[in-house]
């Protein structure tokens, strides 16, 4: 099942690398482990595109956003 998740996530990330929302929506709309596939796709697209490429609808009301951004900033210094 992990291979399927990774395969679909990679496909969606490459196919929709310029549109975070379309990539996530494509990843979760299949007959498999869609929550994991969506999470992996979101991580890949976020790493490829960066924070500013993610639509605000995915970031608004995000729990612990200040912690997430702090960790991200700290990691970018490595």
PDB file of N, CA and C in Angstrom:
ATOM      1  N   UNK A   1       0.815  -1.189   0.000  1.00  0.00           N
ATOM      2  CA  UNK A   1       0.000   0.000   0.000  1.00  0.00           C
ATOM      3  C   UNK A   1       0.862   1.257   0.000  1.00  0.00           C
ATOM      4  N   UNK A   2       2.035   1.228   0.643  1.00  0.00           N
ATOM      5  CA  UNK A   2       2.921   2.384   0.663  1.00  0.00           C
ATOM      6  C   UNK A   2       3.418   2.746  -0.728  1.00  0.00           C
ATOM      7  N   UNK A   3       3.643   1.713  -1.562  1.00  0.00           N
ATOM      8  CA  UNK A   3       4.101   1.973  -2.922  1.00  0.00           C
ATOM      9  C   UNK A   3       3.030   2.710  -3.715  1.00  0.00           C
ATOM     10  N   UNK A   4       1.780   2.330  -3.511  1.00  0.00           N
ATOM     11  CA  UNK A   4       0.670   2.995  -4.203  1.00  0.00           C
ATOM     12  C   UNK A   4       0.567   4.456  -3.768  1.00  0.00           C
ATOM     13  N   UNK A   5       0.665   4.679  -2.466  1.00  0.00           N
ATOM     14  CA  UNK A   5       0.602   6.048  -1.941  1.00  0.00           C
ATOM     15  C   UNK A   5       1.705   6.905  -2.555  1.00  0.00           C
ATOM     16  N   UNK A   6       2.916   6.416  -2.533  1.00  0.00           N
ATOM     17  CA  UNK A   6       4.035   7.171  -3.083  1.00  0.00           C
ATOM     18  C   UNK A   6       3.886   7.384  -4.579  1.00  0.00           C
ATOM     19  N   UNK A   7       3.473   6.358  -5.288  1.00  0.00           N
ATOM     20  CA  UNK A   7       3.302   6.472  -6.737  1.00  0.00           C
ATOM     21  C   UNK A   7       2.270   7.520  -7.117  1.00  0.00           C
ATOM     22  N   UNK A   8       1.111   7.477  -6.464  1.00  0.00           N
ATOM     23  CA  UNK A   8       0.060   8.450  -6.758  1.00  0.00           C
ATOM     24  C   UNK A   8       0.489   9.848  -6.337  1.00  0.00           C
ATOM     25  N   UNK A   9       1.143   9.957  -5.189  1.00  0.00           N
ATOM     26  CA  UNK A   9       1.604  11.266  -4.715  1.00  0.00           C
ATOM     27  C   UNK A   9       2.627  11.872  -5.671  1.00  0.00           C
ATOM     28  N   UNK A  10       3.549  11.068  -6.158  1.00  0.00           N
ATOM     29  CA  UNK A  10       4.535  11.563  -7.117  1.00  0.00           C
ATOM     30  C   UNK A  10       3.879  11.987  -8.423  1.00  0.00           C
ATOM     31  N   UNK A  11       2.952  11.169  -8.901  1.00  0.00           N
ATOM     32  CA  UNK A  11       2.244  11.519 -10.130  1.00  0.00           C
ATOM     33  C   UNK A  11       1.512  12.850  -9.963  1.00  0.00           C
ATOM     34  N   UNK A  12       0.737  12.986  -8.895  1.00  0.00           N
ATOM     35  CA  UNK A  12      -0.034  14.214  -8.676  1.00  0.00           C
ATOM     36  C   UNK A  12       0.883  15.421  -8.487  1.00  0.00           C
ATOM     37  N   UNK A  13       1.996  15.218  -7.819  1.00  0.00           N
ATOM     38  CA  UNK A  13       2.943  16.312  -7.595  1.00  0.00           C
ATOM     39  C   UNK A  13       3.588  16.778  -8.891  1.00  0.00           C
ATOM     40  N   UNK A  14       3.944  15.841  -9.747  1.00  0.00           N
ATOM     41  CA  UNK A  14       4.551  16.209 -11.025  1.00  0.00           C
ATOM     42  C   UNK A  14       3.515  16.772 -11.996  1.00  0.00           C
ATOM     43  N   UNK A  15       2.354  16.166 -12.022  1.00  0.00           N
ATOM     44  CA  UNK A  15       1.287  16.599 -12.941  1.00  0.00           C
ATOM     45  C   UNK A  15       0.795  17.996 -12.601  1.00  0.00           C
ATOM     46  N   UNK A  16       0.702  18.314 -11.300  1.00  0.00           N
ATOM     47  CA  UNK A  16       0.138  19.593 -10.858  1.00  0.00           C
ATOM     48  C   UNK A  16       1.156  20.415 -10.079  1.00  0.00           C
ATOM     49  N   UNK A  17       2.406  20.376 -10.488  1.00  0.00           N
ATOM     50  CA  UNK A  17       3.443  21.074  -9.734  1.00  0.00           C
ATOM     51  C   UNK A  17       3.255  22.582  -9.703  1.00  0.00           C
ATOM     52  N   UNK A  18       2.447  23.112 -10.612  1.00  0.00           N
ATOM     53  CA  UNK A  18       2.189  24.555 -10.630  1.00  0.00           C
ATOM     54  C   UNK A  18       0.860  24.926  -9.992  1.00  0.00           C
ATOM     55  N   UNK A  19       0.146  23.938  -9.443  1.00  0.00           N
ATOM     56  CA  UNK A  19      -1.157  24.220  -8.824  1.00  0.00           C
ATOM     57  C   UNK A  19      -1.362  23.301  -7.621  1.00  0.00           C
ATOM     58  N   UNK A  20      -1.003  23.815  -6.445  1.00  0.00           N
ATOM     59  CA  UNK A  20      -1.072  23.040  -5.206  1.00  0.00           C
ATOM     60  C   UNK A  20      -2.463  22.444  -4.988  1.00  0.00           C
ATOM     61  N   UNK A  21      -3.498  23.274  -5.131  1.00  0.00           N
ATOM     62  CA  UNK A  21      -4.864  22.807  -4.875  1.00  0.00           C
ATOM     63  C   UNK A  21      -5.266  21.657  -5.787  1.00  0.00           C
ATOM     64  N   UNK A  22      -4.984  21.778  -7.078  1.00  0.00           N
ATOM     65  CA  UNK A  22      -5.328  20.700  -8.007  1.00  0.00           C
ATOM     66  C   UNK A  22      -4.577  19.414  -7.671  1.00  0.00           C
ATOM     67  N   UNK A  23      -3.332  19.547  -7.248  1.00  0.00           N
ATOM     68  CA  UNK A  23      -2.549  18.376  -6.881  1.00  0.00           C
ATOM     69  C   UNK A  23      -3.133  17.647  -5.680  1.00  0.00           C
ATOM     70  N   UNK A  24      -3.505  18.404  -4.667  1.00  0.00           N
ATOM     71  CA  UNK A  24      -4.096  17.798  -3.463  1.00  0.00           C
ATOM     72  C   UNK A  24      -5.444  17.160  -3.782  1.00  0.00           C
ATOM     73  N   UNK A  25      -6.261  17.874  -4.538  1.00  0.00           N
ATOM     74  CA  UNK A  25      -7.590  17.348  -4.879  1.00  0.00           C
ATOM     75  C   UNK A  25      -7.471  16.061  -5.693  1.00  0.00           C
ATOM     76  N   UNK A  26      -6.559  16.040  -6.649  1.00  0.00           N
ATOM     77  CA  UNK A  26      -6.347  14.821  -7.437  1.00  0.00           C
ATOM     78  C   UNK A  26      -5.872  13.677  -6.555  1.00  0.00           C
ATOM     79  N   UNK A  27      -5.008  13.981  -5.596  1.00  0.00           N
ATOM     80  CA  UNK A  27      -4.436  12.943  -4.739  1.00  0.00           C
ATOM     81  C   UNK A  27      -5.473  12.289  -3.836  1.00  0.00           C
ATOM     82  N   UNK A  28      -6.433  13.039  -3.366  1.00  0.00           N
ATOM     83  CA  UNK A  28      -7.402  12.467  -2.426  1.00  0.00           C
ATOM     84  C   UNK A  28      -8.631  11.880  -3.107  1.00  0.00           C
ATOM     85  N   UNK A  29      -8.783  12.100  -4.399  1.00  0.00           N
ATOM     86  CA  UNK A  29      -9.952  11.590  -5.119  1.00  0.00           C
ATOM     87  C   UNK A  29      -9.626  10.314  -5.888  1.00  0.00           C
ATOM     88  N   UNK A  30      -9.263   9.289  -5.161  1.00  0.00           N
ATOM     89  CA  UNK A  30      -9.032   7.978  -5.762  1.00  0.00           C
ATOM     90  C   UNK A  30      -9.493   6.915  -4.771  1.00  0.00           C
ATOM     91  N   UNK A  31      -9.585   5.688  -5.227  1.00  0.00           N
ATOM     92  CA  UNK A  31     -10.092   4.591  -4.402  1.00  0.00           C
ATOM     93  C   UNK A  31      -8.981   3.900  -3.629  1.00  0.00           C
ATOM     94  N   UNK A  32      -8.265   4.647  -2.849  1.00  0.00           N
ATOM     95  CA  UNK A  32      -7.186   4.058  -2.069  1.00  0.00           C
ATOM     96  C   UNK A  32      -7.046   4.782  -0.756  1.00  0.00           C
ATOM     97  N   UNK A  33      -5.861   4.765  -0.230  1.00  0.00           N
ATOM     98  CA  UNK A  33      -5.559   5.402   1.041  1.00  0.00           C
ATOM     99  C   UNK A  33      -5.393   6.909   0.813  1.00  0.00           C
ATOM    100  N   UNK A  34      -6.522   7.562   0.562  1.00  0.00           N
ATOM    101  CA  UNK A  34      -6.479   8.939   0.076  1.00  0.00           C
ATOM    102  C   UNK A  34      -5.978   9.947   1.104  1.00  0.00           C
ATOM    103  N   UNK A  35      -6.173   9.693   2.390  1.00  0.00           N
ATOM    104  CA  UNK A  35      -5.665  10.658   3.375  1.00  0.00           C
ATOM    105  C   UNK A  35      -4.139  10.649   3.400  1.00  0.00           C
ATOM    106  N   UNK A  36      -3.549   9.478   3.331  1.00  0.00           N
ATOM    107  CA  UNK A  36      -2.085   9.390   3.285  1.00  0.00           C
ATOM    108  C   UNK A  36      -1.542   9.955   1.979  1.00  0.00           C
ATOM    109  N   UNK A  37      -2.217   9.642   0.887  1.00  0.00           N
ATOM    110  CA  UNK A  37      -1.780  10.142  -0.410  1.00  0.00           C
ATOM    111  C   UNK A  37      -1.844  11.662  -0.451  1.00  0.00           C
ATOM    112  N   UNK A  38      -2.897  12.235   0.105  1.00  0.00           N
ATOM    113  CA  UNK A  38      -3.012  13.688   0.171  1.00  0.00           C
ATOM    114  C   UNK A  38      -1.925  14.310   1.020  1.00  0.00           C
ATOM    115  N   UNK A  39      -1.602  13.675   2.128  1.00  0.00           N
ATOM    116  CA  UNK A  39      -0.550  14.195   3.010  1.00  0.00           C
ATOM    117  C   UNK A  39       0.814  14.154   2.334  1.00  0.00           C
ATOM    118  N   UNK A  40       1.125  13.044   1.674  1.00  0.00           N
ATOM    119  CA  UNK A  40       2.415  12.918   1.002  1.00  0.00           C
ATOM    120  C   UNK A  40       2.491  13.908  -0.162  1.00  0.00           C
ATOM    121  N   UNK A  41       1.415  14.018  -0.915  1.00  0.00           N
ATOM    122  CA  UNK A  41       1.380  14.972  -2.028  1.00  0.00           C
ATOM    123  C   UNK A  41       1.569  16.396  -1.522  1.00  0.00           C
ATOM    124  N   UNK A  42       0.907  16.744  -0.439  1.00  0.00           N
ATOM    125  CA  UNK A  42       1.053  18.081   0.136  1.00  0.00           C
ATOM    126  C   UNK A  42       2.472  18.377   0.562  1.00  0.00           C
ATOM    127  N   UNK A  43       3.130  17.387   1.134  1.00  0.00           N
ATOM    128  CA  UNK A  43       4.531  17.566   1.532  1.00  0.00           C
ATOM    129  C   UNK A  43       5.431  17.764   0.316  1.00  0.00           C
ATOM    130  N   UNK A  44       5.218  16.963  -0.707  1.00  0.00           N
ATOM    131  CA  UNK A  44       6.053  17.078  -1.904  1.00  0.00           C
ATOM    132  C   UNK A  44       5.816  18.420  -2.594  1.00  0.00           C
ATOM    133  N   UNK A  45       4.554  18.767  -2.806  1.00  0.00           N
ATOM    134  CA  UNK A  45       4.245  20.028  -3.474  1.00  0.00           C
ATOM    135  C   UNK A  45       4.713  21.228  -2.657  1.00  0.00           C
ATOM    136  N   UNK A  46       4.587  21.140  -1.353  1.00  0.00           N
ATOM    137  CA  UNK A  46       5.068  22.224  -0.498  1.00  0.00           C
ATOM    138  C   UNK A  46       6.568  22.399  -0.602  1.00  0.00           C
ATOM    139  N   UNK A  47       7.286  21.289  -0.659  1.00  0.00           N
ATOM    140  CA  UNK A  47       8.745  21.358  -0.787  1.00  0.00           C
ATOM    141  C   UNK A  47       9.160  21.901  -2.153  1.00  0.00           C
ATOM    142  N   UNK A  48       8.429  21.512  -3.190  1.00  0.00           N
ATOM    143  CA  UNK A  48       8.743  21.977  -4.540  1.00  0.00           C
ATOM    144  C   UNK A  48       8.407  23.456  -4.705  1.00  0.00           C
ATOM    145  N   UNK A  49       7.219  23.830  -4.257  1.00  0.00           N
ATOM    146  CA  UNK A  49       6.668  25.148  -4.576  1.00  0.00           C
ATOM    147  C   UNK A  49       6.946  26.220  -3.536  1.00  0.00           C
ATOM    148  N   UNK A  50       7.057  25.834  -2.295  1.00  0.00           N
ATOM    149  CA  UNK A  50       7.244  26.803  -1.228  1.00  0.00           C
ATOM    150  C   UNK A  50       5.929  27.296  -0.644  1.00  0.00           C
ATOM    151  N   UNK A  51       6.051  27.931   0.484  1.00  0.00           N
ATOM    152  CA  UNK A  51       4.897  28.380   1.271  1.00  0.00           C
ATOM    153  C   UNK A  51       3.977  29.314   0.494  1.00  0.00           C
ATOM    154  N   UNK A  52       4.546  30.253  -0.234  1.00  0.00           N
ATOM    155  CA  UNK A  52       3.732  31.262  -0.916  1.00  0.00           C
ATOM    156  C   UNK A  52       2.909  30.701  -2.071  1.00  0.00           C
ATOM    157  N   UNK A  53       3.265  29.546  -2.583  1.00  0.00           N
ATOM    158  CA  UNK A  53       2.520  28.936  -3.672  1.00  0.00           C
ATOM    159  C   UNK A  53       1.282  28.182  -3.179  1.00  0.00           C
ATOM    160  N   UNK A  54       1.180  28.004  -1.870  1.00  0.00           N
ATOM    161  CA  UNK A  54       0.032  27.299  -1.288  1.00  0.00           C
ATOM    162  C   UNK A  54      -1.099  28.304  -1.072  1.00  0.00           C
ATOM    163  N   UNK A  55      -2.268  28.009  -1.631  1.00  0.00           N
ATOM    164  CA  UNK A  55      -3.425  28.895  -1.486  1.00  0.00           C
ATOM    165  C   UNK A  55      -3.756  29.110  -0.015  1.00  0.00           C
ATOM    166  N   UNK A  56      -4.212  30.306   0.299  1.00  0.00           N
ATOM    167  CA  UNK A  56      -4.560  30.642   1.685  1.00  0.00           C
ATOM    168  C   UNK A  56      -5.626  29.730   2.275  1.00  0.00           C
ATOM    169  N   UNK A  57      -6.509  29.182   1.446  1.00  0.00           N
ATOM    170  CA  UNK A  57      -7.558  28.306   1.987  1.00  0.00           C
ATOM    171  C   UNK A  57      -6.968  27.083   2.693  1.00  0.00           C
ATOM    172  N   UNK A  58      -5.748  26.695   2.327  1.00  0.00           N
ATOM    173  CA  UNK A  58      -5.084  25.567   2.979  1.00  0.00           C
ATOM    174  C   UNK A  58      -4.320  26.005   4.229  1.00  0.00           C
ATOM    175  N   UNK A  59      -4.063  27.309   4.351  1.00  0.00           N
ATOM    176  CA  UNK A  59      -3.268  27.819   5.467  1.00  0.00           C
ATOM    177  C   UNK A  59      -4.111  28.533   6.521  1.00  0.00           C
ATOM    178  N   UNK A  60      -5.253  29.080   6.122  1.00  0.00           N
ATOM    179  CA  UNK A  60      -6.112  29.779   7.076  1.00  0.00           C
ATOM    180  C   UNK A  60      -6.596  28.808   8.153  1.00  0.00           C
ATOM    181  N   UNK A  61      -6.556  29.249   9.359  1.00  0.00           N
ATOM    182  CA  UNK A  61      -7.013  28.456  10.508  1.00  0.00           C
ATOM    183  C   UNK A  61      -6.204  27.181  10.721  1.00  0.00           C
ATOM    184  N   UNK A  62      -5.001  27.156  10.211  1.00  0.00           N
ATOM    185  CA  UNK A  62      -4.136  25.989  10.394  1.00  0.00           C
ATOM    186  C   UNK A  62      -3.607  25.982  11.826  1.00  0.00           C
ATOM    187  N   UNK A  63      -3.841  24.902  12.498  1.00  0.00           N
ATOM    188  CA  UNK A  63      -3.417  24.774  13.882  1.00  0.00           C
ATOM    189  C   UNK A  63      -1.889  24.777  13.975  1.00  0.00           C
ATOM    190  N   UNK A  64      -1.356  25.516  14.919  1.00  0.00           N
ATOM    191  CA  UNK A  64       0.083  25.601  15.193  1.00  0.00           C
ATOM    192  C   UNK A  64       0.889  26.189  14.032  1.00  0.00           C
ATOM    193  N   UNK A  65       0.278  27.084  13.260  1.00  0.00           N
ATOM    194  CA  UNK A  65       0.969  27.665  12.107  1.00  0.00           C
ATOM    195  C   UNK A  65       2.253  28.369  12.525  1.00  0.00           C
ATOM    196  N   UNK A  66       2.245  29.024  13.681  1.00  0.00           N
ATOM    197  CA  UNK A  66       3.451  29.725  14.129  1.00  0.00           C
ATOM    198  C   UNK A  66       4.600  28.754  14.404  1.00  0.00           C
ATOM    199  N   UNK A  67       4.290  27.604  14.953  1.00  0.00           N
ATOM    200  CA  UNK A  67       5.306  26.578  15.221  1.00  0.00           C
ATOM    201  C   UNK A  67       5.818  25.992  13.904  1.00  0.00           C
ATOM    202  N   UNK A  68       4.912  25.707  12.985  1.00  0.00           N
ATOM    203  CA  UNK A  68       5.287  25.143  11.689  1.00  0.00           C
ATOM    204  C   UNK A  68       6.223  26.089  10.945  1.00  0.00           C
ATOM    205  N   UNK A  69       5.881  27.381  10.930  1.00  0.00           N
ATOM    206  CA  UNK A  69       6.717  28.359  10.231  1.00  0.00           C
ATOM    207  C   UNK A  69       8.073  28.527  10.911  1.00  0.00           C
ATOM    208  N   UNK A  70       8.102  28.454  12.230  1.00  0.00           N
ATOM    209  CA  UNK A  70       9.365  28.563  12.979  1.00  0.00           C
ATOM    210  C   UNK A  70      10.282  27.376  12.637  1.00  0.00           C
ATOM    211  N   UNK A  71       9.738  26.186  12.656  1.00  0.00           N
ATOM    212  CA  UNK A  71      10.532  24.996  12.329  1.00  0.00           C
ATOM    213  C   UNK A  71      11.028  25.091  10.888  1.00  0.00           C
ATOM    214  N   UNK A  72      10.166  25.528   9.991  1.00  0.00           N
ATOM    215  CA  UNK A  72      10.545  25.664   8.586  1.00  0.00           C
ATOM    216  C   UNK A  72      11.683  26.666   8.429  1.00  0.00           C
ATOM    217  N   UNK A  73      11.572  27.797   9.110  1.00  0.00           N
ATOM    218  CA  UNK A  73      12.646  28.794   9.045  1.00  0.00           C
ATOM    219  C   UNK A  73      13.946  28.248   9.605  1.00  0.00           C
ATOM    220  N   UNK A  74      13.857  27.519  10.721  1.00  0.00           N
ATOM    221  CA  UNK A  74      15.049  26.943  11.327  1.00  0.00           C
ATOM    222  C   UNK A  74      15.697  25.923  10.384  1.00  0.00           C
ATOM    223  N   UNK A  75      14.893  25.147   9.678  1.00  0.00           N
ATOM    224  CA  UNK A  75      15.427  24.133   8.776  1.00  0.00           C
ATOM    225  C   UNK A  75      16.081  24.759   7.542  1.00  0.00           C
ATOM    226  N   UNK A  76      15.612  25.914   7.144  1.00  0.00           N
ATOM    227  CA  UNK A  76      16.173  26.544   5.954  1.00  0.00           C
ATOM    228  C   UNK A  76      17.583  27.073   6.206  1.00  0.00           C
ATOM    229  N   UNK A  77      17.960  27.167   7.475  1.00  0.00           N
ATOM    230  CA  UNK A  77      19.299  27.631   7.809  1.00  0.00           C
ATOM    231  C   UNK A  77      20.327  26.508   7.798  1.00  0.00           C
ATOM    232  N   UNK A  78      19.860  25.281   7.659  1.00  0.00           N
ATOM    233  CA  UNK A  78      20.787  24.130   7.686  1.00  0.00           C
ATOM    234  C   UNK A  78      21.544  23.982   6.399  1.00  0.00           C
TER     235      UNK A  78
END
